[in-house]
Each structure stands twice: as C-alpha cells, then as structure tokens.
C-alpha atoms as a PDB file:
ATOM      1  CA  UNK A   1      -6.080   5.459   3.732  1.00  0.00           C
ATOM      2  CA  UNK A   2      -8.201   3.598   5.414  1.00  0.00           C
ATOM      3  CA  UNK A   3      -9.255  -0.066   5.014  1.00  0.00           C
ATOM      4  CA  UNK A   4     -12.667   0.643   4.662  1.00  0.00           C
ATOM      5  CA  UNK A   5     -11.792   2.883   1.646  1.00  0.00           C
ATOM      6  CA  UNK A   6      -9.964   0.314   0.087  1.00  0.00           C
ATOM      7  CA  UNK A   7     -12.298  -2.899   0.685  1.00  0.00           C
ATOM      8  CA  UNK A   8     -14.800  -0.314  -1.920  1.00  0.00           C
ATOM      9  CA  UNK A   9     -11.935  -1.427  -4.882  1.00  0.00           C
ATOM     10  CA  UNK A  10     -11.940  -4.135  -7.098  1.00  0.00           C
ATOM     11  CA  UNK A  11      -9.232  -6.996  -7.317  1.00  0.00           C
ATOM     12  CA  UNK A  12      -7.641  -5.714  -9.843  1.00  0.00           C
ATOM     13  CA  UNK A  13      -7.622  -1.985  -8.618  1.00  0.00           C
ATOM     14  CA  UNK A  14      -6.040  -2.649  -5.506  1.00  0.00           C
ATOM     15  CA  UNK A  15      -3.230  -5.127  -7.534  1.00  0.00           C
ATOM     16  CA  UNK A  16      -2.218  -1.779  -9.115  1.00  0.00           C
ATOM     17  CA  UNK A  17      -2.291   0.316  -6.113  1.00  0.00           C
ATOM     18  CA  UNK A  18      -0.125  -2.243  -4.442  1.00  0.00           C
ATOM     19  CA  UNK A  19       2.142  -1.731  -7.070  1.00  0.00           C
ATOM     20  CA  UNK A  20       1.445   1.687  -6.915  1.00  0.00           C
ATOM     21  CA  UNK A  21       2.373   1.845  -3.238  1.00  0.00           C
ATOM     22  CA  UNK A  22       5.447  -0.402  -3.514  1.00  0.00           C
ATOM     23  CA  UNK A  23       7.600   2.296  -6.054  1.00  0.00           C
ATOM     24  CA  UNK A  24       6.143   4.840  -3.616  1.00  0.00           C
ATOM     25  CA  UNK A  25       7.998   2.933  -0.961  1.00  0.00           C
ATOM     26  CA  UNK A  26      10.981   2.646  -3.007  1.00  0.00           C
ATOM     27  CA  UNK A  27      11.154   6.111  -3.581  1.00  0.00           C
ATOM     28  CA  UNK A  28      11.115   6.728  -0.126  1.00  0.00           C
ATOM     29  CA  UNK A  29      13.795   4.795   0.606  1.00  0.00           C
ATOM     30  CA  UNK A  30      15.837   6.064  -1.906  1.00  0.00           C
ATOM     31  CA  UNK A  31      15.125   9.600  -0.723  1.00  0.00           C
ATOM     32  CA  UNK A  32      16.012   8.567   3.014  1.00  0.00           C
ATOM     33  CA  UNK A  33      19.337   7.169   2.068  1.00  0.00           C
ATOM     34  CA  UNK A  34      20.262  10.462   0.063  1.00  0.00           C
ATOM     35  CA  UNK A  35      19.111  12.537   2.643  1.00  0.00           C
ATOM     36  CA  UNK A  36      16.134  14.598   0.912  1.00  0.00           C
ATOM     37  CA  UNK A  37      13.159  12.492   2.673  1.00  0.00           C
ATOM     38  CA  UNK A  38      12.196  15.684   5.523  1.00  0.00           C
ATOM     39  CA  UNK A  39       8.841  13.333   6.892  1.00  0.00           C
ATOM     40  CA  UNK A  40      10.338  10.027   7.704  1.00  0.00           C
ATOM     41  CA  UNK A  41       6.575   9.344   8.784  1.00  0.00           C
ATOM     42  CA  UNK A  42       5.711   8.842   5.160  1.00  0.00           C
ATOM     43  CA  UNK A  43       7.864   5.871   5.222  1.00  0.00           C
ATOM     44  CA  UNK A  44       5.699   3.741   8.118  1.00  0.00           C
ATOM     45  CA  UNK A  45       2.542   5.509   6.836  1.00  0.00           C
ATOM     46  CA  UNK A  46       3.457   3.582   3.225  1.00  0.00           C
ATOM     47  CA  UNK A  47       4.590   0.505   4.840  1.00  0.00           C
ATOM     48  CA  UNK A  48       1.375   0.594   6.254  1.00  0.00           C
ATOM     49  CA  UNK A  49      -0.991   1.405   3.364  1.00  0.00           C
ATOM     50  CA  UNK A  50       0.854  -1.468   1.483  1.00  0.00           C
ATOM     51  CA  UNK A  51      -0.324  -3.708   4.452  1.00  0.00           C
ATOM     52  CA  UNK A  52      -3.320  -2.492   4.397  1.00  0.00           C
ATOM     53  CA  UNK A  53      -3.974  -3.339   0.888  1.00  0.00           C
ATOM     54  CA  UNK A  54      -2.557  -6.436   0.760  1.00  0.00           C
ATOM     55  CA  UNK A  55      -5.203  -7.739   3.646  1.00  0.00           C
ATOM     56  CA  UNK A  56      -7.695  -6.385   1.962  1.00  0.00           C
ATOM     57  CA  UNK A  57      -7.019  -8.097  -0.895  1.00  0.00           C
ATOM     58  CA  UNK A  58      -6.899 -11.367   0.622  1.00  0.00           C
ATOM     59  CA  UNK A  59      -9.921 -11.015   2.475  1.00  0.00           C
ATOM     60  CA  UNK A  60     -11.454 -10.451  -0.987  1.00  0.00           C
ATOM     61  CA  UNK A  61      -9.734 -13.281  -2.742  1.00  0.00           C
ATOM     62  CA  UNK A  62     -10.880 -15.661   0.076  1.00  0.00           C
ATOM     63  CA  UNK A  63     -14.406 -14.104  -0.604  1.00  0.00           C
ATOM     64  CA  UNK A  64     -14.167 -15.296  -3.850  1.00  0.00           C
ATOM     65  CA  UNK A  65     -13.139 -18.982  -2.746  1.00  0.00           C
ATOM     66  CA  UNK A  66     -16.200 -19.732  -0.977  1.00  0.00           C
END
C-alpha cells in the first residue's frame, strides 16, 4: 500500500494494520527459513509497509498533540 492510503485510516486501524503486518512478516520469515518462500521480495515489501504504517501513525499522534 502507499502512504497516502495509510493516511486515510484512523489511529486504531493503523495499530491493527501494524499487528497484521508484523504477523505476516513473521510468517514470511518462517517460510523463508524453511525454504518454502518463492518470492523473497515479499519480505522487503512487508518491512517497508510496516515502516510506512509506523511513520503515518507517528504523524497522526504528533498532529493530535498540537
């Protein structure tokens, strides 16, 4: 997803999305370790999505403080 799509979500939805992506990353790492992961680019994409969500989440939290 793009950062603009994440900005449309609420703080609660972003927190849920972070947990979902973290779980997906764990599963991808497990598949990679066992040799079952064919597309290793998914690891990078998932890590970047987690970073995007966390960035947008922090932006929203700082905006709420002001």
